[in-house]
Amino acid sequence: MRIGSRGFTLIEIVVSLAILGIMMTLVTGIFVSAAQKTSAGLAGAAEREQLMASFEQAAATGRVNGEVERQNGQIIIDFDGKKINADGEYLTGVYGENRIIMRYFLANQK
C-alpha cells in the first residue's frame, strides 16, 4: 500500500485472495481425509457390532449363521503353574469389507 493512499491496490487484493485460496485448499484436504478416516472407523465399529450379535445368537441358540463357524476344542489356561483345562467350542467369525475376524471360546457346562 502506498503512503498517503486510502485503500489497497488491485494487485494486493488479488495476491491476498490467492494466498487465502491456497490455504483453504490445504485445510479442506486435511478435513476431508479426517472425515474419511472417521467414517471408515464407524463402519468398522458397525461391522464389529454385527459380528458380536452373530456370536451372541450362535451361543444362545446353538444355531450358526453364515458368518460364524463352530469347532470343538480345548483351552488350557496357566495361572503361575496351576493349569485349568476346559472343553468347549470355538466360535470363529469373519465379517464385512474390513475382514474383521473374531474368535471366542465357549466352555461346556458341567
PDB file of N, CA and C in Angstrom:
ATOM      1  N   MET A   1       0.848  -1.174   0.000  1.00  0.00           N
ATOM      2  CA  MET A   1       0.000   0.000   0.000  1.00  0.00           C
ATOM      3  C   MET A   1       0.892   1.235   0.000  1.00  0.00           C
ATOM      4  N   ARG A   2       0.527   2.139  -0.825  1.00  0.00           N
ATOM      5  CA  ARG A   2       1.331   3.352  -0.920  1.00  0.00           C
ATOM      6  C   ARG A   2       1.058   4.301   0.240  1.00  0.00           C
ATOM      7  N   ILE A   3       2.071   5.072   0.611  1.00  0.00           N
ATOM      8  CA  ILE A   3       1.922   6.033   1.702  1.00  0.00           C
ATOM      9  C   ILE A   3       1.001   7.148   1.237  1.00  0.00           C
ATOM     10  N   GLY A   4       0.015   7.436   2.068  1.00  0.00           N
ATOM     11  CA  GLY A   4      -0.899   8.513   1.754  1.00  0.00           C
ATOM     12  C   GLY A   4      -2.125   8.060   0.979  1.00  0.00           C
ATOM     13  N   SER A   5      -2.179   6.828   0.534  1.00  0.00           N
ATOM     14  CA  SER A   5      -3.372   6.360  -0.191  1.00  0.00           C
ATOM     15  C   SER A   5      -4.389   5.815   0.805  1.00  0.00           C
ATOM     16  N   ARG A   6      -5.643   5.667   0.367  1.00  0.00           N
ATOM     17  CA  ARG A   6      -6.701   5.291   1.283  1.00  0.00           C
ATOM     18  C   ARG A   6      -7.260   3.899   1.004  1.00  0.00           C
ATOM     19  N   GLY A   7      -6.536   3.040   0.320  1.00  0.00           N
ATOM     20  CA  GLY A   7      -7.075   1.714   0.042  1.00  0.00           C
ATOM     21  C   GLY A   7      -5.983   0.789  -0.468  1.00  0.00           C
ATOM     22  N   PHE A   8      -6.403  -0.417  -0.793  1.00  0.00           N
ATOM     23  CA  PHE A   8      -5.476  -1.407  -1.328  1.00  0.00           C
ATOM     24  C   PHE A   8      -5.537  -1.385  -2.839  1.00  0.00           C
ATOM     25  N   THR A   9      -4.428  -1.704  -3.455  1.00  0.00           N
ATOM     26  CA  THR A   9      -4.410  -1.786  -4.909  1.00  0.00           C
ATOM     27  C   THR A   9      -5.016  -3.118  -5.335  1.00  0.00           C
ATOM     28  N   LEU A  10      -5.365  -3.230  -6.593  1.00  0.00           N
ATOM     29  CA  LEU A  10      -5.957  -4.447  -7.130  1.00  0.00           C
ATOM     30  C   LEU A  10      -4.992  -5.617  -7.001  1.00  0.00           C
ATOM     31  N   ILE A  11      -3.710  -5.377  -7.209  1.00  0.00           N
ATOM     32  CA  ILE A  11      -2.693  -6.432  -7.105  1.00  0.00           C
ATOM     33  C   ILE A  11      -2.653  -6.979  -5.675  1.00  0.00           C
ATOM     34  N   GLU A  12      -2.675  -6.108  -4.687  1.00  0.00           N
ATOM     35  CA  GLU A  12      -2.638  -6.553  -3.293  1.00  0.00           C
ATOM     36  C   GLU A  12      -3.858  -7.409  -2.948  1.00  0.00           C
ATOM     37  N   ILE A  13      -5.004  -7.035  -3.433  1.00  0.00           N
ATOM     38  CA  ILE A  13      -6.229  -7.802  -3.171  1.00  0.00           C
ATOM     39  C   ILE A  13      -6.156  -9.170  -3.849  1.00  0.00           C
ATOM     40  N   VAL A  14      -5.697  -9.216  -5.093  1.00  0.00           N
ATOM     41  CA  VAL A  14      -5.610 -10.478  -5.835  1.00  0.00           C
ATOM     42  C   VAL A  14      -4.597 -11.412  -5.172  1.00  0.00           C
ATOM     43  N   VAL A  15      -3.447 -10.895  -4.759  1.00  0.00           N
ATOM     44  CA  VAL A  15      -2.436 -11.722  -4.100  1.00  0.00           C
ATOM     45  C   VAL A  15      -2.973 -12.254  -2.772  1.00  0.00           C
ATOM     46  N   SER A  16      -3.667 -11.433  -2.014  1.00  0.00           N
ATOM     47  CA  SER A  16      -4.246 -11.875  -0.738  1.00  0.00           C
ATOM     48  C   SER A  16      -5.272 -12.979  -0.961  1.00  0.00           C
ATOM     49  N   LEU A  17      -6.124 -12.798  -1.965  1.00  0.00           N
ATOM     50  CA  LEU A  17      -7.123 -13.836  -2.266  1.00  0.00           C
ATOM     51  C   LEU A  17      -6.465 -15.135  -2.738  1.00  0.00           C
ATOM     52  N   ALA A  18      -5.390 -15.040  -3.493  1.00  0.00           N
ATOM     53  CA  ALA A  18      -4.682 -16.246  -3.947  1.00  0.00           C
ATOM     54  C   ALA A  18      -4.078 -16.990  -2.755  1.00  0.00           C
ATOM     55  N   ILE A  19      -3.485 -16.265  -1.844  1.00  0.00           N
ATOM     56  CA  ILE A  19      -2.902 -16.896  -0.656  1.00  0.00           C
ATOM     57  C   ILE A  19      -3.997 -17.562   0.189  1.00  0.00           C
ATOM     58  N   LEU A  20      -5.113 -16.857   0.378  1.00  0.00           N
ATOM     59  CA  LEU A  20      -6.229 -17.437   1.123  1.00  0.00           C
ATOM     60  C   LEU A  20      -6.776 -18.690   0.421  1.00  0.00           C
ATOM     61  N   GLY A  21      -6.849 -18.657  -0.901  1.00  0.00           N
ATOM     62  CA  GLY A  21      -7.329 -19.818  -1.659  1.00  0.00           C
ATOM     63  C   GLY A  21      -6.426 -21.030  -1.485  1.00  0.00           C
ATOM     64  N   ILE A  22      -5.125 -20.813  -1.512  1.00  0.00           N
ATOM     65  CA  ILE A  22      -4.165 -21.914  -1.321  1.00  0.00           C
ATOM     66  C   ILE A  22      -4.298 -22.475   0.094  1.00  0.00           C
ATOM     67  N   MET A  23      -4.414 -21.586   1.084  1.00  0.00           N
ATOM     68  CA  MET A  23      -4.558 -22.056   2.458  1.00  0.00           C
ATOM     69  C   MET A  23      -5.854 -22.841   2.650  1.00  0.00           C
ATOM     70  N   MET A  24      -6.937 -22.392   2.048  1.00  0.00           N
ATOM     71  CA  MET A  24      -8.218 -23.103   2.160  1.00  0.00           C
ATOM     72  C   MET A  24      -8.148 -24.477   1.496  1.00  0.00           C
ATOM     73  N   THR A  25      -7.440 -24.586   0.390  1.00  0.00           N
ATOM     74  CA  THR A  25      -7.289 -25.873  -0.289  1.00  0.00           C
ATOM     75  C   THR A  25      -6.560 -26.866   0.606  1.00  0.00           C
ATOM     76  N   LEU A  26      -5.495 -26.413   1.267  1.00  0.00           N
ATOM     77  CA  LEU A  26      -4.749 -27.291   2.158  1.00  0.00           C
ATOM     78  C   LEU A  26      -5.590 -27.724   3.358  1.00  0.00           C
ATOM     79  N   VAL A  27      -6.290 -26.798   3.964  1.00  0.00           N
ATOM     80  CA  VAL A  27      -7.104 -27.102   5.141  1.00  0.00           C
ATOM     81  C   VAL A  27      -8.276 -28.015   4.769  1.00  0.00           C
ATOM     82  N   THR A  28      -8.897 -27.782   3.625  1.00  0.00           N
ATOM     83  CA  THR A  28     -10.014 -28.627   3.181  1.00  0.00           C
ATOM     84  C   THR A  28      -9.548 -30.061   2.977  1.00  0.00           C
ATOM     85  N   GLY A  29      -8.368 -30.253   2.411  1.00  0.00           N
ATOM     86  CA  GLY A  29      -7.832 -31.599   2.222  1.00  0.00           C
ATOM     87  C   GLY A  29      -7.641 -32.328   3.540  1.00  0.00           C
ATOM     88  N   ILE A  30      -7.186 -31.620   4.547  1.00  0.00           N
ATOM     89  CA  ILE A  30      -6.991 -32.211   5.869  1.00  0.00           C
ATOM     90  C   ILE A  30      -8.336 -32.631   6.462  1.00  0.00           C
ATOM     91  N   PHE A  31      -9.347 -31.767   6.364  1.00  0.00           N
ATOM     92  CA  PHE A  31     -10.661 -32.089   6.913  1.00  0.00           C
ATOM     93  C   PHE A  31     -11.317 -33.253   6.172  1.00  0.00           C
ATOM     94  N   VAL A  32     -11.164 -33.311   4.861  1.00  0.00           N
ATOM     95  CA  VAL A  32     -11.758 -34.408   4.087  1.00  0.00           C
ATOM     96  C   VAL A  32     -11.125 -35.740   4.469  1.00  0.00           C
ATOM     97  N   SER A  33      -9.795 -35.790   4.605  1.00  0.00           N
ATOM     98  CA  SER A  33      -9.146 -37.049   4.977  1.00  0.00           C
ATOM     99  C   SER A  33      -9.538 -37.464   6.394  1.00  0.00           C
ATOM    100  N   ALA A  34      -9.679 -36.517   7.307  1.00  0.00           N
ATOM    101  CA  ALA A  34     -10.108 -36.846   8.667  1.00  0.00           C
ATOM    102  C   ALA A  34     -11.536 -37.385   8.668  1.00  0.00           C
ATOM    103  N   ALA A  35     -12.405 -36.796   7.853  1.00  0.00           N
ATOM    104  CA  ALA A  35     -13.789 -37.267   7.772  1.00  0.00           C
ATOM    105  C   ALA A  35     -13.848 -38.675   7.184  1.00  0.00           C
ATOM    106  N   GLN A  36     -13.016 -38.971   6.196  1.00  0.00           N
ATOM    107  CA  GLN A  36     -12.992 -40.310   5.610  1.00  0.00           C
ATOM    108  C   GLN A  36     -12.499 -41.337   6.623  1.00  0.00           C
ATOM    109  N   LYS A  37     -11.469 -40.999   7.405  1.00  0.00           N
ATOM    110  CA  LYS A  37     -10.977 -41.920   8.422  1.00  0.00           C
ATOM    111  C   LYS A  37     -12.040 -42.170   9.486  1.00  0.00           C
ATOM    112  N   THR A  38     -12.766 -41.125   9.856  1.00  0.00           N
ATOM    113  CA  THR A  38     -13.817 -41.267  10.857  1.00  0.00           C
ATOM    114  C   THR A  38     -14.933 -42.159  10.352  1.00  0.00           C
ATOM    115  N   SER A  39     -15.355 -41.970   9.104  1.00  0.00           N
ATOM    116  CA  SER A  39     -16.439 -42.794   8.571  1.00  0.00           C
ATOM    117  C   SER A  39     -15.992 -44.241   8.416  1.00  0.00           C
ATOM    118  N   ALA A  40     -14.725 -44.477   8.071  1.00  0.00           N
ATOM    119  CA  ALA A  40     -14.219 -45.849   7.983  1.00  0.00           C
ATOM    120  C   ALA A  40     -14.195 -46.494   9.362  1.00  0.00           C
ATOM    121  N   GLY A  41     -13.830 -45.733  10.380  1.00  0.00           N
ATOM    122  CA  GLY A  41     -13.839 -46.251  11.745  1.00  0.00           C
ATOM    123  C   GLY A  41     -15.241 -46.578  12.218  1.00  0.00           C
ATOM    124  N   LEU A  42     -16.212 -45.728  11.871  1.00  0.00           N
ATOM    125  CA  LEU A  42     -17.596 -46.002  12.244  1.00  0.00           C
ATOM    126  C   LEU A  42     -18.126 -47.231  11.527  1.00  0.00           C
ATOM    127  N   ALA A  43     -17.738 -47.407  10.268  1.00  0.00           N
ATOM    128  CA  ALA A  43     -18.173 -48.592   9.525  1.00  0.00           C
ATOM    129  C   ALA A  43     -17.585 -49.849  10.150  1.00  0.00           C
ATOM    130  N   GLY A  44     -16.322 -49.798  10.557  1.00  0.00           N
ATOM    131  CA  GLY A  44     -15.697 -50.938  11.221  1.00  0.00           C
ATOM    132  C   GLY A  44     -16.384 -51.252  12.544  1.00  0.00           C
ATOM    133  N   ALA A  45     -16.790 -50.216  13.276  1.00  0.00           N
ATOM    134  CA  ALA A  45     -17.491 -50.429  14.543  1.00  0.00           C
ATOM    135  C   ALA A  45     -18.841 -51.087  14.300  1.00  0.00           C
ATOM    136  N   ALA A  46     -19.532 -50.674  13.257  1.00  0.00           N
ATOM    137  CA  ALA A  46     -20.826 -51.291  12.933  1.00  0.00           C
ATOM    138  C   ALA A  46     -20.640 -52.757  12.553  1.00  0.00           C
ATOM    139  N   GLU A  47     -19.583 -53.067  11.807  1.00  0.00           N
ATOM    140  CA  GLU A  47     -19.312 -54.456  11.434  1.00  0.00           C
ATOM    141  C   GLU A  47     -18.993 -55.295  12.663  1.00  0.00           C
ATOM    142  N   ARG A  48     -18.216 -54.748  13.597  1.00  0.00           N
ATOM    143  CA  ARG A  48     -17.912 -55.477  14.826  1.00  0.00           C
ATOM    144  C   ARG A  48     -19.179 -55.744  15.637  1.00  0.00           C
ATOM    145  N   GLU A  49     -20.066 -54.743  15.703  1.00  0.00           N
ATOM    146  CA  GLU A  49     -21.327 -54.926  16.419  1.00  0.00           C
ATOM    147  C   GLU A  49     -22.168 -56.027  15.777  1.00  0.00           C
ATOM    148  N   GLN A  50     -22.207 -56.059  14.453  1.00  0.00           N
ATOM    149  CA  GLN A  50     -22.963 -57.086  13.744  1.00  0.00           C
ATOM    150  C   GLN A  50     -22.374 -58.472  14.027  1.00  0.00           C
ATOM    151  N   LEU A  51     -21.070 -58.575  14.036  1.00  0.00           N
ATOM    152  CA  LEU A  51     -20.426 -59.855  14.305  1.00  0.00           C
ATOM    153  C   LEU A  51     -20.667 -60.281  15.754  1.00  0.00           C
ATOM    154  N   MET A  52     -20.626 -59.341  16.690  1.00  0.00           N
ATOM    155  CA  MET A  52     -20.913 -59.680  18.082  1.00  0.00           C
ATOM    156  C   MET A  52     -22.342 -60.196  18.231  1.00  0.00           C
ATOM    157  N   ALA A  53     -23.288 -59.592  17.516  1.00  0.00           N
ATOM    158  CA  ALA A  53     -24.670 -60.077  17.563  1.00  0.00           C
ATOM    159  C   ALA A  53     -24.758 -61.490  17.001  1.00  0.00           C
ATOM    160  N   SER A  54     -23.998 -61.788  15.963  1.00  0.00           N
ATOM    161  CA  SER A  54     -23.975 -63.136  15.405  1.00  0.00           C
ATOM    162  C   SER A  54     -23.403 -64.129  16.401  1.00  0.00           C
ATOM    163  N   PHE A  55     -22.351 -63.736  17.132  1.00  0.00           N
ATOM    164  CA  PHE A  55     -21.774 -64.593  18.163  1.00  0.00           C
ATOM    165  C   PHE A  55     -22.788 -64.871  19.270  1.00  0.00           C
ATOM    166  N   GLU A  56     -23.469 -63.820  19.711  1.00  0.00           N
ATOM    167  CA  GLU A  56     -24.442 -63.997  20.782  1.00  0.00           C
ATOM    168  C   GLU A  56     -25.571 -64.924  20.351  1.00  0.00           C
ATOM    169  N   GLN A  57     -26.018 -64.775  19.104  1.00  0.00           N
ATOM    170  CA  GLN A  57     -27.071 -65.644  18.597  1.00  0.00           C
ATOM    171  C   GLN A  57     -26.582 -67.092  18.522  1.00  0.00           C
ATOM    172  N   ALA A  58     -25.368 -67.295  18.041  1.00  0.00           N
ATOM    173  CA  ALA A  58     -24.824 -68.648  17.926  1.00  0.00           C
ATOM    174  C   ALA A  58     -24.641 -69.274  19.298  1.00  0.00           C
ATOM    175  N   ALA A  59     -24.215 -68.479  20.282  1.00  0.00           N
ATOM    176  CA  ALA A  59     -24.005 -69.015  21.627  1.00  0.00           C
ATOM    177  C   ALA A  59     -25.327 -69.327  22.316  1.00  0.00           C
ATOM    178  N   ALA A  60     -26.325 -68.474  22.102  1.00  0.00           N
ATOM    179  CA  ALA A  60     -27.602 -68.641  22.802  1.00  0.00           C
ATOM    180  C   ALA A  60     -28.479 -69.730  22.184  1.00  0.00           C
ATOM    181  N   THR A  61     -28.517 -69.788  20.879  1.00  0.00           N
ATOM    182  CA  THR A  61     -29.450 -70.702  20.213  1.00  0.00           C
ATOM    183  C   THR A  61     -28.796 -71.991  19.748  1.00  0.00           C
ATOM    184  N   GLY A  62     -27.487 -72.003  19.628  1.00  0.00           N
ATOM    185  CA  GLY A  62     -26.811 -73.191  19.101  1.00  0.00           C
ATOM    186  C   GLY A  62     -26.813 -73.236  17.586  1.00  0.00           C
ATOM    187  N   ARG A  63     -27.544 -72.322  16.960  1.00  0.00           N
ATOM    188  CA  ARG A  63     -27.556 -72.253  15.500  1.00  0.00           C
ATOM    189  C   ARG A  63     -26.490 -71.285  15.022  1.00  0.00           C
ATOM    190  N   VAL A  64     -25.896 -71.622  13.908  1.00  0.00           N
ATOM    191  CA  VAL A  64     -24.803 -70.810  13.371  1.00  0.00           C
ATOM    192  C   VAL A  64     -25.243 -70.242  12.034  1.00  0.00           C
ATOM    193  N   ASN A  65     -25.094 -68.935  11.875  1.00  0.00           N
ATOM    194  CA  ASN A  65     -25.372 -68.360  10.557  1.00  0.00           C
ATOM    195  C   ASN A  65     -24.100 -68.376   9.725  1.00  0.00           C
ATOM    196  N   GLY A  66     -24.142 -67.794   8.545  1.00  0.00           N
ATOM    197  CA  GLY A  66     -23.022 -67.887   7.617  1.00  0.00           C
ATOM    198  C   GLY A  66     -21.752 -67.210   8.076  1.00  0.00           C
ATOM    199  N   GLU A  67     -21.857 -66.302   9.055  1.00  0.00           N
ATOM    200  CA  GLU A  67     -20.682 -65.549   9.463  1.00  0.00           C
ATOM    201  C   GLU A  67     -19.890 -66.233  10.569  1.00  0.00           C
ATOM    202  N   VAL A  68     -20.546 -67.129  11.330  1.00  0.00           N
ATOM    203  CA  VAL A  68     -19.904 -67.731  12.496  1.00  0.00           C
ATOM    204  C   VAL A  68     -19.754 -69.228  12.264  1.00  0.00           C
ATOM    205  N   GLU A  69     -18.583 -69.746  12.601  1.00  0.00           N
ATOM    206  CA  GLU A  69     -18.284 -71.173  12.447  1.00  0.00           C
ATOM    207  C   GLU A  69     -17.973 -71.750  13.819  1.00  0.00           C
ATOM    208  N   ARG A  70     -18.487 -72.943  14.088  1.00  0.00           N
ATOM    209  CA  ARG A  70     -18.235 -73.632  15.358  1.00  0.00           C
ATOM    210  C   ARG A  70     -17.203 -74.725  15.164  1.00  0.00           C
ATOM    211  N   GLN A  71     -16.384 -74.933  16.184  1.00  0.00           N
ATOM    212  CA  GLN A  71     -15.395 -76.003  16.134  1.00  0.00           C
ATOM    213  C   GLN A  71     -15.125 -76.459  17.564  1.00  0.00           C
ATOM    214  N   ASN A  72     -15.203 -77.780  17.809  1.00  0.00           N
ATOM    215  CA  ASN A  72     -14.921 -78.309  19.146  1.00  0.00           C
ATOM    216  C   ASN A  72     -13.440 -78.154  19.455  1.00  0.00           C
ATOM    217  N   GLY A  73     -13.151 -77.934  20.730  1.00  0.00           N
ATOM    218  CA  GLY A  73     -11.748 -77.781  21.104  1.00  0.00           C
ATOM    219  C   GLY A  73     -11.564 -77.750  22.599  1.00  0.00           C
ATOM    220  N   GLN A  74     -10.361 -77.437  22.999  1.00  0.00           N
ATOM    221  CA  GLN A  74      -9.994 -77.382  24.405  1.00  0.00           C
ATOM    222  C   GLN A  74      -9.127 -76.160  24.614  1.00  0.00           C
ATOM    223  N   ILE A  75      -9.284 -75.552  25.772  1.00  0.00           N
ATOM    224  CA  ILE A  75      -8.446 -74.406  26.113  1.00  0.00           C
ATOM    225  C   ILE A  75      -7.740 -74.721  27.432  1.00  0.00           C
ATOM    226  N   ILE A  76      -6.497 -74.325  27.526  1.00  0.00           N
ATOM    227  CA  ILE A  76      -5.709 -74.527  28.743  1.00  0.00           C
ATOM    228  C   ILE A  76      -5.201 -73.155  29.195  1.00  0.00           C
ATOM    229  N   ILE A  77      -5.526 -72.812  30.434  1.00  0.00           N
ATOM    230  CA  ILE A  77      -5.103 -71.530  30.997  1.00  0.00           C
ATOM    231  C   ILE A  77      -4.119 -71.822  32.121  1.00  0.00           C
ATOM    232  N   ASP A  78      -2.974 -71.147  32.102  1.00  0.00           N
ATOM    233  CA  ASP A  78      -1.927 -71.375  33.098  1.00  0.00           C
ATOM    234  C   ASP A  78      -1.829 -70.153  34.010  1.00  0.00           C
ATOM    235  N   PHE A  79      -2.145 -70.350  35.303  1.00  0.00           N
ATOM    236  CA  PHE A  79      -2.017 -69.292  36.295  1.00  0.00           C
ATOM    237  C   PHE A  79      -0.843 -69.629  37.208  1.00  0.00           C
ATOM    238  N   ASP A  80       0.318 -69.139  36.918  1.00  0.00           N
ATOM    239  CA  ASP A  80       1.526 -69.359  37.731  1.00  0.00           C
ATOM    240  C   ASP A  80       1.731 -70.836  38.069  1.00  0.00           C
ATOM    241  N   GLY A  81       1.665 -71.667  37.068  1.00  0.00           N
ATOM    242  CA  GLY A  81       1.908 -73.089  37.258  1.00  0.00           C
ATOM    243  C   GLY A  81       0.663 -73.916  37.500  1.00  0.00           C
ATOM    244  N   LYS A  82      -0.455 -73.292  37.878  1.00  0.00           N
ATOM    245  CA  LYS A  82      -1.703 -74.022  38.067  1.00  0.00           C
ATOM    246  C   LYS A  82      -2.484 -73.959  36.758  1.00  0.00           C
ATOM    247  N   LYS A  83      -2.734 -75.126  36.154  1.00  0.00           N
ATOM    248  CA  LYS A  83      -3.377 -75.173  34.845  1.00  0.00           C
ATOM    249  C   LYS A  83      -4.853 -75.513  34.987  1.00  0.00           C
ATOM    250  N   ILE A  84      -5.648 -74.819  34.218  1.00  0.00           N
ATOM    251  CA  ILE A  84      -7.090 -75.065  34.162  1.00  0.00           C
ATOM    252  C   ILE A  84      -7.411 -75.499  32.739  1.00  0.00           C
ATOM    253  N   ASN A  85      -8.022 -76.660  32.599  1.00  0.00           N
ATOM    254  CA  ASN A  85      -8.433 -77.172  31.287  1.00  0.00           C
ATOM    255  C   ASN A  85      -9.940 -77.021  31.154  1.00  0.00           C
ATOM    256  N   ALA A  86     -10.393 -76.696  29.961  1.00  0.00           N
ATOM    257  CA  ALA A  86     -11.829 -76.614  29.697  1.00  0.00           C
ATOM    258  C   ALA A  86     -12.088 -77.107  28.284  1.00  0.00           C
ATOM    259  N   ASP A  87     -13.082 -77.970  28.176  1.00  0.00           N
ATOM    260  CA  ASP A  87     -13.547 -78.404  26.859  1.00  0.00           C
ATOM    261  C   ASP A  87     -14.689 -77.498  26.452  1.00  0.00           C
ATOM    262  N   GLY A  88     -14.823 -77.309  25.151  1.00  0.00           N
ATOM    263  CA  GLY A  88     -15.895 -76.453  24.671  1.00  0.00           C
ATOM    264  C   GLY A  88     -15.843 -76.291  23.173  1.00  0.00           C
ATOM    265  N   GLU A  89     -16.329 -75.138  22.737  1.00  0.00           N
ATOM    266  CA  GLU A  89     -16.383 -74.849  21.313  1.00  0.00           C
ATOM    267  C   GLU A  89     -15.749 -73.496  21.034  1.00  0.00           C
ATOM    268  N   TYR A  90     -15.029 -73.440  19.944  1.00  0.00           N
ATOM    269  CA  TYR A  90     -14.521 -72.169  19.438  1.00  0.00           C
ATOM    270  C   TYR A  90     -15.529 -71.613  18.452  1.00  0.00           C
ATOM    271  N   LEU A  91     -15.850 -70.350  18.596  1.00  0.00           N
ATOM    272  CA  LEU A  91     -16.667 -69.648  17.609  1.00  0.00           C
ATOM    273  C   LEU A  91     -15.739 -68.717  16.851  1.00  0.00           C
ATOM    274  N   THR A  92     -15.682 -68.868  15.541  1.00  0.00           N
ATOM    275  CA  THR A  92     -14.835 -68.022  14.708  1.00  0.00           C
ATOM    276  C   THR A  92     -15.725 -67.311  13.708  1.00  0.00           C
ATOM    277  N   GLY A  93     -15.547 -66.020  13.585  1.00  0.00           N
ATOM    278  CA  GLY A  93     -16.366 -65.255  12.655  1.00  0.00           C
ATOM    279  C   GLY A  93     -15.542 -64.264  11.861  1.00  0.00           C
ATOM    280  N   VAL A  94     -15.917 -64.126  10.598  1.00  0.00           N
ATOM    281  CA  VAL A  94     -15.306 -63.140   9.710  1.00  0.00           C
ATOM    282  C   VAL A  94     -16.455 -62.317   9.149  1.00  0.00           C
ATOM    283  N   TYR A  95     -16.323 -60.997   9.224  1.00  0.00           N
ATOM    284  CA  TYR A  95     -17.450 -60.173   8.808  1.00  0.00           C
ATOM    285  C   TYR A  95     -16.982 -58.911   8.101  1.00  0.00           C
ATOM    286  N   GLY A  96     -17.727 -58.516   7.106  1.00  0.00           N
ATOM    287  CA  GLY A  96     -17.613 -57.206   6.480  1.00  0.00           C
ATOM    288  C   GLY A  96     -16.466 -57.031   5.507  1.00  0.00           C
ATOM    289  N   GLU A  97     -16.477 -55.855   4.910  1.00  0.00           N
ATOM    290  CA  GLU A  97     -15.455 -55.495   3.920  1.00  0.00           C
ATOM    291  C   GLU A  97     -14.074 -55.405   4.557  1.00  0.00           C
ATOM    292  N   ASN A  98     -14.023 -55.020   5.826  1.00  0.00           N
ATOM    293  CA  ASN A  98     -12.745 -54.872   6.510  1.00  0.00           C
ATOM    294  C   ASN A  98     -12.186 -56.201   6.986  1.00  0.00           C
ATOM    295  N   ARG A  99     -12.919 -57.289   6.744  1.00  0.00           N
ATOM    296  CA  ARG A  99     -12.489 -58.646   7.102  1.00  0.00           C
ATOM    297  C   ARG A  99     -12.165 -58.726   8.593  1.00  0.00           C
ATOM    298  N   ILE A 100     -13.116 -58.315   9.418  1.00  0.00           N
ATOM    299  CA  ILE A 100     -12.943 -58.384  10.861  1.00  0.00           C
ATOM    300  C   ILE A 100     -13.050 -59.841  11.281  1.00  0.00           C
ATOM    301  N   ILE A 101     -12.053 -60.329  12.002  1.00  0.00           N
ATOM    302  CA  ILE A 101     -12.021 -61.717  12.451  1.00  0.00           C
ATOM    303  C   ILE A 101     -12.057 -61.722  13.977  1.00  0.00           C
ATOM    304  N   MET A 102     -13.011 -62.474  14.540  1.00  0.00           N
ATOM    305  CA  MET A 102     -13.105 -62.623  15.979  1.00  0.00           C
ATOM    306  C   MET A 102     -13.160 -64.103  16.309  1.00  0.00           C
ATOM    307  N   ARG A 103     -12.616 -64.460  17.460  1.00  0.00           N
ATOM    308  CA  ARG A 103     -12.641 -65.856  17.889  1.00  0.00           C
ATOM    309  C   ARG A 103     -12.933 -65.894  19.383  1.00  0.00           C
ATOM    310  N   TYR A 104     -13.913 -66.692  19.762  1.00  0.00           N
ATOM    311  CA  TYR A 104     -14.310 -66.837  21.160  1.00  0.00           C
ATOM    312  C   TYR A 104     -14.353 -68.297  21.527  1.00  0.00           C
ATOM    313  N   PHE A 105     -14.212 -68.569  22.822  1.00  0.00           N
ATOM    314  CA  PHE A 105     -14.300 -69.936  23.325  1.00  0.00           C
ATOM    315  C   PHE A 105     -15.473 -70.015  24.286  1.00  0.00           C
ATOM    316  N   LEU A 106     -16.352 -70.987  24.067  1.00  0.00           N
ATOM    317  CA  LEU A 106     -17.475 -71.239  24.967  1.00  0.00           C
ATOM    318  C   LEU A 106     -17.230 -72.560  25.676  1.00  0.00           C
ATOM    319  N   ALA A 107     -17.070 -72.527  26.978  1.00  0.00           N
ATOM    320  CA  ALA A 107     -16.820 -73.758  27.736  1.00  0.00           C
ATOM    321  C   ALA A 107     -18.112 -74.545  27.856  1.00  0.00           C
ATOM    322  N   ASN A 108     -17.998 -75.862  27.830  1.00  0.00           N
ATOM    323  CA  ASN A 108     -19.154 -76.726  28.049  1.00  0.00           C
ATOM    324  C   ASN A 108     -19.618 -76.585  29.491  1.00  0.00           C
ATOM    325  N   GLN A 109     -20.923 -76.616  29.690  1.00  0.00           N
ATOM    326  CA  GLN A 109     -21.484 -76.547  31.042  1.00  0.00           C
ATOM    327  C   GLN A 109     -21.327 -77.887  31.730  1.00  0.00           C
ATOM    328  N   LYS A 110     -20.844 -77.901  32.960  1.00  0.00           N
ATOM    329  CA  LYS A 110     -20.659 -79.153  33.707  1.00  0.00           C
ATOM    330  C   LYS A 110     -21.701 -79.301  34.762  1.00  0.00           C
TER     331      LYS A 110
END
